[in-house]
Amino acid sequence: MTAEATVDRAPAAAPSPGRLVFLLGPAFVAAIAYVDPGNVASNISSGARFGYLLVWVVVLANLMAVLVQYLSAKLGLVTGLSLPEALRERMSPRTRIAFWLQAEVVAVATDLAEVVGGAIALNLLFELPLVVGGVITGVVSMVLLAVQDRNGQRTFERVITGLLLVIAVGFLASLFVEPPSASSIANGLIPRFDGGDSVLIAAAMLGATVMPHAVYLHSGLVRDRHGHHTGRRLKDLLRATKFDVGLAMLLAGAVNLGMLLLAATNLQGHDGVDSIAGAHAAVGQALGPGIALFLAIGLLASGLASTSVGAYAGAMIMQGLLRKRIPLLLRRVVTLIPALVVLAAGADPSQALVVSQVVLSFGIPFALAPLIRLTSDDGLMGEDVNSRLTTTLGWLVAAVIIVLNVALIVLTFSG
C-alpha cells in the first residue's frame, strides 16, 4: 500500500475556517435562481393578499432547495460530470436531442422572467421604456458573461455573490424600518390555506422554487471549480459544499422571506399591488422613497444576475448534452430575443412573469427525477451514494414539487 493511498483512507478532518471560505462560491451562483424576478412577483403577491399566511411555504421551499442543490453539487464532485453530461452517457441520440429541446424551452422562459424583471426595475428607477430596459439588461449581462469568459469562474462567482448581497440589502432594508410582527410570523409557520387563490400562490411559490437550470448548473459549477477528486480530498470538498449550500440557501431564503414580510407588513389593503410596479408605488407611500429605491435596486440586481447565470446554465446544458459549444455571448443574444419581442409587443410584464413560471414548471421533473436516480446509483456514486433516508426525502421533495407544478398549471389555465 502506498503512502498516498494510506493518506487517502485517513479520516477526513474538517477544513479550517480560512480554507472553508476559500472553497465557498458555486452555491451562491446557483442561489441566484431562488431570488429571480419570478420569486419577487410571487412572494410580494403572497404577502400583499394573504399577509403572513404562507410564511411556512417560504421555509419549506428553502429546505427543499438545500437538499436538491446539495445533491446536484455532490453528483459533480463525486463523478466529475455535470448532470447534463451524466445524462448524455445514458441516452440515445434521439432522446438527447428531445431532452435538450425541452431544456432550451425552459432556458428561454427563464430568460424571459429575468429580462422582464430587469426592464421593470430600470423603468422604476429611470422611467425607461421596457424595451430599452430589456436591451440594457441584456447588454449588462453580456458584460458579466465576458468577465466569466476572460477572468474565469472564481471572478464570476465573486461578482454574482456581490449582486446577491445587493439583492439581500434591497429586499431586507424595509424590515429595519417597519419590523414585522414576531407573533404573526410564528403563526404563519403553521401550514394552512385560505381558499383556492392561496393554493395557487403557494403553488407558484413552492412548486416553481427549484429552477431546472440551477439544478443542471450547480453540478457543473463545483466540478469546474474543484475538479474531480477521491478519498480524503473528496470528503473535504463534500463537507465544504454542505456549508456552501447551507449558507447560500439561508441567504436566498432570508431574501424570499423578506419579500413576503415586506408585503405582509406594509401592502395589505393597498390597491394595485398585484404587479411589481404597483407594489413599488405602495412601498413608496408606506415607507418612503428611500425604501422604494432599495426595492428597485434589489430588483435590478436580481434581473442582471439571474439572466447572466441563466445564459451560463444554458451553455453548460447544451455542451453537456450535445457536446456542442457556442460562444456565451452569442448564446446571450439568441436567448435575449424572445424576451425583447414580448416587451416590444406590449405584453403586460407582470403577466409575462406568471406565464414564464408556468412554462418553467414543465421542466422540473426532467431535472429532478434524473438527479435523484443518479445520486442513488451505487455503481456511479460508490460509497457516496445517497442513504436510504436521503433518497426517500429526495423523491418526496420531487413529488411535492411536481404535484404543485401541475396544480399551478391547472389553476392558472382554469382561473
Protein backbone atom coordinates (compact mmCIF):
# COMPACT_ATOMS: atom_id res chain seq x y z
CA MET A 1 0.00 0.00 0.00
CA THR A 2 1.44 3.37 -0.97
CA ALA A 3 1.75 6.32 1.39
CA GLU A 4 -0.67 8.24 -0.80
CA ALA A 5 -3.28 5.51 -0.52
CA THR A 6 -2.83 5.42 3.24
CA VAL A 7 -3.44 9.15 3.49
CA ASP A 8 -6.46 8.81 1.19
CA ARG A 9 -8.10 6.42 3.64
CA ALA A 10 -7.39 8.53 6.71
CA PRO A 11 -10.37 10.14 8.42
CA ALA A 12 -11.20 13.47 6.80
CA ALA A 13 -10.63 16.43 9.07
CA ALA A 14 -12.91 19.41 8.84
CA PRO A 15 -11.49 22.18 6.63
CA SER A 16 -10.05 25.13 8.56
CA PRO A 17 -12.20 28.31 8.60
CA GLY A 18 -9.85 30.07 6.17
CA ARG A 19 -9.79 27.10 3.81
CA LEU A 20 -13.57 26.77 4.09
CA VAL A 21 -14.12 30.37 2.97
CA PHE A 22 -11.83 29.77 0.01
CA LEU A 23 -13.98 26.79 -1.06
CA LEU A 24 -17.28 28.70 -0.95
CA GLY A 25 -18.83 30.16 -4.09
CA PRO A 26 -20.61 27.79 -6.51
CA ALA A 27 -23.76 27.55 -4.39
CA PHE A 28 -24.04 31.35 -4.25
CA VAL A 29 -24.18 31.43 -8.06
CA ALA A 30 -26.88 28.74 -8.08
CA ALA A 31 -28.76 30.62 -5.33
CA ILE A 32 -29.43 33.50 -7.73
CA ALA A 33 -32.14 31.30 -9.31
CA TYR A 34 -34.02 31.44 -6.00
CA VAL A 35 -34.21 35.23 -5.88
CA ASP A 36 -35.01 35.99 -9.52
CA PRO A 37 -37.85 38.36 -10.56
CA GLY A 38 -40.32 35.46 -10.70
CA ASN A 39 -39.78 34.89 -6.98
CA VAL A 40 -40.20 38.61 -6.35
CA ALA A 41 -43.60 38.62 -8.05
CA SER A 42 -44.95 35.54 -6.26
CA ASN A 43 -43.65 36.42 -2.78
CA ILE A 44 -44.84 40.03 -2.83
CA SER A 45 -48.22 38.94 -4.19
CA SER A 46 -48.49 36.37 -1.40
CA GLY A 47 -47.76 38.85 1.38
CA ALA A 48 -49.98 41.60 -0.05
CA ARG A 49 -53.01 39.32 -0.47
CA PHE A 50 -52.69 36.88 2.41
CA GLY A 51 -50.42 38.55 4.94
CA TYR A 52 -48.33 36.10 6.93
CA LEU A 53 -50.44 33.07 5.97
CA LEU A 54 -47.87 31.48 3.65
CA VAL A 55 -44.67 32.07 5.63
CA TRP A 56 -44.46 28.30 6.03
CA VAL A 57 -44.27 27.91 2.24
CA VAL A 58 -41.10 30.02 2.05
CA VAL A 59 -39.48 27.99 4.83
CA LEU A 60 -40.46 24.66 3.27
CA ALA A 61 -39.26 25.79 -0.16
CA ASN A 62 -35.87 26.73 1.26
CA LEU A 63 -35.44 23.35 2.97
CA MET A 64 -36.24 21.62 -0.32
CA ALA A 65 -33.72 23.81 -2.12
CA VAL A 66 -30.95 22.83 0.31
CA LEU A 67 -31.44 19.12 -0.41
CA VAL A 68 -31.76 19.47 -4.18
CA GLN A 69 -28.77 21.76 -4.64
CA TYR A 70 -26.56 19.62 -2.43
CA LEU A 71 -27.43 16.51 -4.45
CA SER A 72 -26.56 18.37 -7.65
CA ALA A 73 -23.22 19.52 -6.24
CA LYS A 74 -22.46 16.04 -4.90
CA LEU A 75 -23.03 14.50 -8.32
CA GLY A 76 -20.50 16.85 -9.89
CA LEU A 77 -17.88 16.33 -7.17
CA VAL A 78 -18.13 12.53 -6.96
CA THR A 79 -18.41 11.71 -10.68
CA GLY A 80 -16.54 14.59 -12.29
CA LEU A 81 -19.58 15.03 -14.56
CA SER A 82 -22.22 17.70 -14.78
CA LEU A 83 -25.81 16.47 -14.69
CA PRO A 84 -26.23 17.03 -18.47
CA GLU A 85 -23.03 15.06 -19.14
CA ALA A 86 -24.16 12.21 -16.92
CA LEU A 87 -27.48 12.11 -18.77
CA ARG A 88 -25.79 12.15 -22.18
CA GLU A 89 -23.92 8.96 -21.36
CA ARG A 90 -27.21 7.21 -20.62
CA MET A 91 -29.35 8.45 -23.51
CA SER A 92 -29.74 7.54 -27.14
CA PRO A 93 -29.05 10.32 -29.70
CA ARG A 94 -32.76 10.97 -30.31
CA THR A 95 -33.54 11.10 -26.60
CA ARG A 96 -30.65 13.51 -26.03
CA ILE A 97 -31.97 15.88 -28.68
CA ALA A 98 -35.52 15.76 -27.31
CA PHE A 99 -34.24 16.34 -23.79
CA TRP A 100 -32.11 19.26 -24.96
CA LEU A 101 -35.06 20.86 -26.77
CA GLN A 102 -37.21 20.90 -23.64
CA ALA A 103 -34.26 22.32 -21.71
CA GLU A 104 -33.91 25.11 -24.30
CA VAL A 105 -37.60 26.00 -23.97
CA VAL A 106 -37.08 26.22 -20.22
CA ALA A 107 -33.99 28.40 -20.78
CA VAL A 108 -36.00 30.83 -22.90
CA ALA A 109 -38.74 31.01 -20.27
CA THR A 110 -36.13 31.60 -17.59
CA ASP A 111 -34.56 34.43 -19.56
CA LEU A 112 -37.96 35.96 -20.21
CA ALA A 113 -38.67 36.36 -16.50
CA GLU A 114 -35.23 37.71 -15.73
CA VAL A 115 -35.00 40.23 -18.57
CA VAL A 116 -38.54 41.44 -17.90
CA GLY A 117 -37.64 41.89 -14.23
CA GLY A 118 -34.57 43.95 -15.13
CA ALA A 119 -36.64 46.03 -17.55
CA ILE A 120 -39.26 46.74 -14.88
CA ALA A 121 -36.54 47.81 -12.44
CA LEU A 122 -34.98 50.23 -14.93
CA ASN A 123 -38.42 51.62 -15.67
CA LEU A 124 -39.00 52.21 -11.95
CA LEU A 125 -35.57 53.76 -11.45
CA PHE A 126 -35.20 55.85 -14.59
CA GLU A 127 -38.62 55.69 -16.33
CA LEU A 128 -37.01 53.95 -19.30
CA PRO A 129 -39.31 52.21 -21.78
CA LEU A 130 -39.49 48.48 -21.07
CA VAL A 131 -37.87 47.53 -24.38
CA VAL A 132 -34.93 49.85 -23.72
CA GLY A 133 -34.63 48.41 -20.21
CA GLY A 134 -34.64 44.90 -21.65
CA VAL A 135 -31.83 45.77 -24.05
CA ILE A 136 -29.76 47.34 -21.26
CA THR A 137 -30.34 44.27 -19.06
CA GLY A 138 -29.12 42.07 -21.91
CA VAL A 139 -26.05 44.21 -22.58
CA VAL A 140 -25.01 44.29 -18.91
CA SER A 141 -25.46 40.53 -18.66
CA MET A 142 -23.14 40.18 -21.66
CA VAL A 143 -20.52 42.16 -19.74
CA LEU A 144 -20.91 39.83 -16.76
CA LEU A 145 -20.54 36.79 -19.01
CA ALA A 146 -17.46 38.34 -20.60
CA VAL A 147 -15.98 38.58 -17.10
CA GLN A 148 -16.51 34.85 -16.69
CA ASP A 149 -15.13 34.10 -20.13
CA ARG A 150 -11.94 36.14 -19.68
CA ASN A 151 -11.22 36.04 -15.94
CA GLY A 152 -12.54 32.62 -15.00
CA GLN A 153 -15.22 31.18 -12.80
CA ARG A 154 -13.92 32.43 -9.49
CA THR A 155 -14.13 36.08 -10.55
CA PHE A 156 -17.63 35.44 -11.92
CA GLU A 157 -18.60 33.89 -8.57
CA ARG A 158 -17.41 36.99 -6.73
CA VAL A 159 -19.38 39.31 -8.99
CA ILE A 160 -22.57 37.26 -8.73
CA THR A 161 -22.18 36.92 -4.96
CA GLY A 162 -21.81 40.70 -4.76
CA LEU A 163 -25.06 41.13 -6.68
CA LEU A 164 -26.71 38.60 -4.36
CA LEU A 165 -25.73 40.79 -1.41
CA VAL A 166 -27.18 43.84 -3.19
CA ILE A 167 -30.42 41.89 -3.68
CA ALA A 168 -30.45 41.00 0.02
CA VAL A 169 -29.97 44.61 1.11
CA GLY A 170 -32.59 45.81 -1.36
CA PHE A 171 -35.31 43.49 -0.11
CA LEU A 172 -34.42 43.32 3.58
CA ALA A 173 -33.93 47.07 4.22
CA SER A 174 -37.65 47.64 4.83
CA LEU A 175 -37.67 45.18 7.73
CA PHE A 176 -35.46 47.54 9.74
CA VAL A 177 -37.77 50.50 9.07
CA GLU A 178 -41.03 48.67 9.78
CA PRO A 179 -40.28 45.38 11.60
CA PRO A 180 -42.88 42.65 11.11
CA SER A 181 -44.81 41.15 14.00
CA ALA A 182 -42.92 38.22 15.54
CA SER A 183 -46.15 36.59 16.69
CA SER A 184 -47.62 36.89 13.19
CA ILE A 185 -44.53 35.30 11.66
CA ALA A 186 -44.76 32.42 14.15
CA ASN A 187 -48.44 31.98 13.31
CA GLY A 188 -47.54 31.89 9.61
CA LEU A 189 -45.35 28.84 10.22
CA ILE A 190 -48.47 26.71 10.71
CA PRO A 191 -49.26 25.04 7.34
CA ARG A 192 -52.72 26.02 6.09
CA PHE A 193 -54.54 27.72 3.21
CA ASP A 194 -57.39 30.20 2.83
CA GLY A 195 -59.28 29.34 -0.33
CA GLY A 196 -58.25 28.40 -3.85
CA ASP A 197 -56.33 31.62 -4.53
CA SER A 198 -53.95 30.94 -1.66
CA VAL A 199 -53.33 27.45 -3.06
CA LEU A 200 -52.49 28.99 -6.44
CA ILE A 201 -49.99 31.42 -4.95
CA ALA A 202 -48.48 28.70 -2.75
CA ALA A 203 -48.04 26.56 -5.85
CA ALA A 204 -46.30 29.44 -7.61
CA MET A 205 -44.01 29.97 -4.61
CA LEU A 206 -43.21 26.36 -3.77
CA GLY A 207 -43.82 24.47 -6.99
CA ALA A 208 -41.61 26.77 -9.05
CA THR A 209 -38.96 27.31 -6.39
CA VAL A 210 -36.47 24.73 -7.65
CA MET A 211 -35.44 26.13 -11.02
CA PRO A 212 -34.34 23.49 -13.57
CA HIS A 213 -31.33 25.45 -14.78
CA ALA A 214 -29.96 25.79 -11.23
CA VAL A 215 -30.12 22.02 -10.79
CA TYR A 216 -28.18 21.42 -14.01
CA LEU A 217 -25.74 24.25 -13.38
CA HIS A 218 -24.62 23.50 -9.83
CA SER A 219 -23.19 20.10 -10.73
CA GLY A 220 -21.02 21.71 -13.40
CA LEU A 221 -20.01 24.68 -11.25
CA VAL A 222 -18.49 22.56 -8.49
CA ARG A 223 -16.81 20.26 -10.99
CA ASP A 224 -15.23 23.19 -12.83
CA ARG A 225 -14.24 24.92 -9.59
CA HIS A 226 -12.79 21.96 -7.69
CA GLY A 227 -12.08 19.27 -10.27
CA HIS A 228 -12.54 15.53 -9.72
CA HIS A 229 -11.07 14.04 -6.54
CA THR A 230 -11.31 10.90 -4.43
CA GLY A 231 -10.60 9.90 -0.86
CA ARG A 232 -9.86 12.50 1.79
CA ARG A 233 -9.87 15.42 -0.64
CA LEU A 234 -13.34 14.48 -1.84
CA LYS A 235 -14.61 14.20 1.74
CA ASP A 236 -13.25 17.67 2.48
CA LEU A 237 -14.96 19.10 -0.59
CA LEU A 238 -18.29 17.43 0.21
CA ARG A 239 -18.13 18.81 3.73
CA ALA A 240 -17.30 22.30 2.45
CA THR A 241 -20.11 22.03 -0.10
CA LYS A 242 -22.61 21.43 2.69
CA PHE A 243 -21.57 24.76 4.21
CA ASP A 244 -21.62 26.44 0.79
CA VAL A 245 -25.14 25.23 0.04
CA GLY A 246 -26.39 25.87 3.56
CA LEU A 247 -25.14 29.47 3.67
CA ALA A 248 -26.26 30.30 0.13
CA MET A 249 -29.75 28.87 0.59
CA LEU A 250 -30.05 30.54 4.00
CA LEU A 251 -29.34 33.90 2.38
CA ALA A 252 -31.73 33.21 -0.52
CA GLY A 253 -34.40 32.02 1.91
CA ALA A 254 -33.99 35.15 4.04
CA VAL A 255 -34.44 37.33 0.95
CA ASN A 256 -37.58 35.46 -0.12
CA LEU A 257 -38.98 35.68 3.40
CA GLY A 258 -38.11 39.37 3.46
CA MET A 259 -40.10 39.93 0.25
CA LEU A 260 -43.16 38.28 1.77
CA LEU A 261 -42.83 40.10 5.11
CA LEU A 262 -42.38 43.45 3.36
CA ALA A 263 -45.69 42.96 1.59
CA ALA A 264 -47.49 41.43 4.57
CA THR A 265 -46.46 44.27 6.87
CA ASN A 266 -46.97 47.22 4.53
CA LEU A 267 -49.03 46.35 1.46
CA GLN A 268 -52.19 44.62 2.70
CA GLY A 269 -55.25 46.63 1.74
CA HIS A 270 -53.42 48.68 -0.91
CA ASP A 271 -54.81 48.74 -4.43
CA GLY A 272 -52.78 47.71 -7.47
CA VAL A 273 -50.19 45.63 -5.63
CA ASP A 274 -50.77 42.64 -7.91
CA SER A 275 -47.90 43.92 -10.06
CA ILE A 276 -44.30 44.73 -9.15
CA ALA A 277 -44.74 48.34 -10.27
CA GLY A 278 -47.84 48.67 -8.10
CA ALA A 279 -46.06 47.14 -5.12
CA HIS A 280 -43.15 49.54 -5.61
CA ALA A 281 -45.51 52.52 -5.59
CA ALA A 282 -47.28 51.25 -2.48
CA VAL A 283 -43.95 50.73 -0.69
CA GLY A 284 -43.01 54.30 -1.53
CA GLN A 285 -46.25 55.56 0.00
CA ALA A 286 -45.98 53.38 3.11
CA LEU A 287 -42.25 53.56 3.88
CA GLY A 288 -40.94 56.46 1.83
CA PRO A 289 -38.96 56.85 -1.40
CA GLY A 290 -35.70 55.60 0.12
CA ILE A 291 -37.05 52.09 0.79
CA ALA A 292 -38.77 52.08 -2.61
CA LEU A 293 -35.38 52.90 -4.15
CA PHE A 294 -33.75 49.98 -2.31
CA LEU A 295 -36.51 47.72 -3.61
CA ALA A 296 -35.98 48.79 -7.23
CA ILE A 297 -32.20 48.41 -6.95
CA GLY A 298 -32.65 44.92 -5.49
CA LEU A 299 -34.95 44.01 -8.38
CA LEU A 300 -32.43 45.34 -10.90
CA ALA A 301 -29.59 43.31 -9.35
CA SER A 302 -31.89 40.28 -9.41
CA GLY A 303 -32.60 40.66 -13.11
CA LEU A 304 -28.98 41.30 -14.09
CA ALA A 305 -27.51 38.45 -12.04
CA SER A 306 -30.17 35.87 -12.82
CA THR A 307 -30.17 36.42 -16.58
CA SER A 308 -26.36 36.07 -16.65
CA VAL A 309 -26.49 32.85 -14.63
CA GLY A 310 -29.34 31.55 -16.81
CA ALA A 311 -27.32 32.07 -20.01
CA TYR A 312 -24.32 30.38 -18.40
CA ALA A 313 -26.51 27.41 -17.43
CA GLY A 314 -27.95 27.14 -20.93
CA ALA A 315 -24.49 26.92 -22.46
CA MET A 316 -23.47 24.22 -19.96
CA ILE A 317 -26.62 22.20 -20.71
CA MET A 318 -26.06 22.36 -24.45
CA GLN A 319 -22.41 21.41 -24.17
CA GLY A 320 -23.16 18.58 -21.76
CA LEU A 321 -25.99 17.00 -23.73
CA LEU A 322 -24.86 17.60 -27.32
CA ARG A 323 -21.11 18.22 -26.99
CA LYS A 324 -21.73 21.44 -28.89
CA ARG A 325 -20.18 24.66 -27.69
CA ILE A 326 -21.22 28.10 -28.91
CA PRO A 327 -19.76 31.34 -27.55
CA LEU A 328 -21.50 32.50 -24.39
CA LEU A 329 -22.09 35.98 -25.79
CA LEU A 330 -23.73 34.60 -28.94
CA ARG A 331 -25.98 32.45 -26.80
CA ARG A 332 -26.82 35.52 -24.71
CA VAL A 333 -28.03 37.33 -27.84
CA VAL A 334 -30.12 34.39 -29.08
CA THR A 335 -31.95 33.80 -25.79
CA LEU A 336 -32.47 37.55 -25.29
CA ILE A 337 -34.52 37.94 -28.48
CA PRO A 338 -37.77 36.26 -27.27
CA ALA A 339 -37.84 38.45 -24.15
CA LEU A 340 -37.38 41.62 -26.20
CA VAL A 341 -40.13 40.52 -28.60
CA VAL A 342 -42.54 40.08 -25.68
CA LEU A 343 -41.67 43.52 -24.32
CA ALA A 344 -41.92 45.15 -27.76
CA ALA A 345 -45.34 43.56 -28.31
CA GLY A 346 -46.66 45.48 -25.31
CA ALA A 347 -47.48 42.41 -23.20
CA ASP A 348 -48.24 43.02 -19.55
CA PRO A 349 -44.87 42.46 -17.83
CA SER A 350 -46.35 41.01 -14.63
CA GLN A 351 -48.46 38.57 -16.66
CA ALA A 352 -45.38 37.63 -18.66
CA LEU A 353 -43.65 36.72 -15.40
CA VAL A 354 -46.56 34.46 -14.42
CA VAL A 355 -46.60 32.70 -17.80
CA SER A 356 -42.84 32.17 -17.66
CA GLN A 357 -43.18 30.44 -14.28
CA VAL A 358 -45.82 28.10 -15.72
CA VAL A 359 -43.52 27.17 -18.62
CA LEU A 360 -40.65 26.61 -16.19
CA SER A 361 -42.77 24.18 -14.22
CA PHE A 362 -42.79 21.77 -17.16
CA GLY A 363 -39.02 21.39 -16.90
CA ILE A 364 -38.90 20.49 -13.19
CA PRO A 365 -39.43 16.70 -13.50
CA PHE A 366 -36.76 16.43 -16.25
CA ALA A 367 -34.14 17.86 -13.88
CA LEU A 368 -35.17 16.45 -10.51
CA ALA A 369 -36.01 12.83 -11.30
CA PRO A 370 -32.70 12.05 -13.07
CA LEU A 371 -30.72 13.82 -10.34
CA ILE A 372 -32.22 11.67 -7.59
CA ARG A 373 -31.90 8.49 -9.62
CA LEU A 374 -28.24 9.13 -10.48
CA THR A 375 -27.19 10.08 -6.94
CA SER A 376 -28.94 6.91 -5.69
CA ASP A 377 -26.94 4.69 -8.08
CA ASP A 378 -24.18 3.00 -6.05
CA GLY A 379 -22.44 1.90 -9.26
CA LEU A 380 -21.99 5.57 -10.18
CA MET A 381 -21.58 7.19 -6.75
CA GLY A 382 -19.72 4.44 -4.89
CA GLU A 383 -19.53 4.96 -1.13
CA ASP A 384 -21.02 8.46 -1.54
CA VAL A 385 -24.32 7.11 -2.83
CA ASN A 386 -27.42 8.60 -1.19
CA SER A 387 -28.54 6.96 2.03
CA ARG A 388 -31.99 5.40 2.01
CA LEU A 389 -33.31 8.36 4.01
CA THR A 390 -31.81 10.89 1.58
CA THR A 391 -33.26 9.04 -1.41
CA THR A 392 -36.69 8.89 0.25
CA LEU A 393 -36.60 12.59 1.07
CA GLY A 394 -35.42 13.37 -2.47
CA TRP A 395 -38.30 11.53 -4.09
CA LEU A 396 -40.73 13.12 -1.61
CA VAL A 397 -39.43 16.59 -2.49
CA ALA A 398 -39.66 15.79 -6.20
CA ALA A 399 -43.22 14.51 -5.81
CA VAL A 400 -44.35 17.59 -3.87
CA ILE A 401 -42.78 19.99 -6.36
CA ILE A 402 -44.16 18.13 -9.38
CA VAL A 403 -47.68 17.92 -7.90
CA LEU A 404 -47.65 21.62 -7.06
CA ASN A 405 -46.43 22.49 -10.52
CA VAL A 406 -49.29 20.50 -12.01
CA ALA A 407 -51.63 22.38 -9.66
CA LEU A 408 -50.07 25.67 -10.77
CA ILE A 409 -50.68 24.83 -14.43
CA VAL A 410 -54.27 23.67 -13.85
CA LEU A 411 -55.22 26.59 -11.61
CA THR A 412 -53.61 29.12 -13.95
CA PHE A 413 -55.49 27.98 -17.03
CA SER A 414 -58.78 27.25 -15.26
CA GLY A 415 -58.88 30.52 -13.35
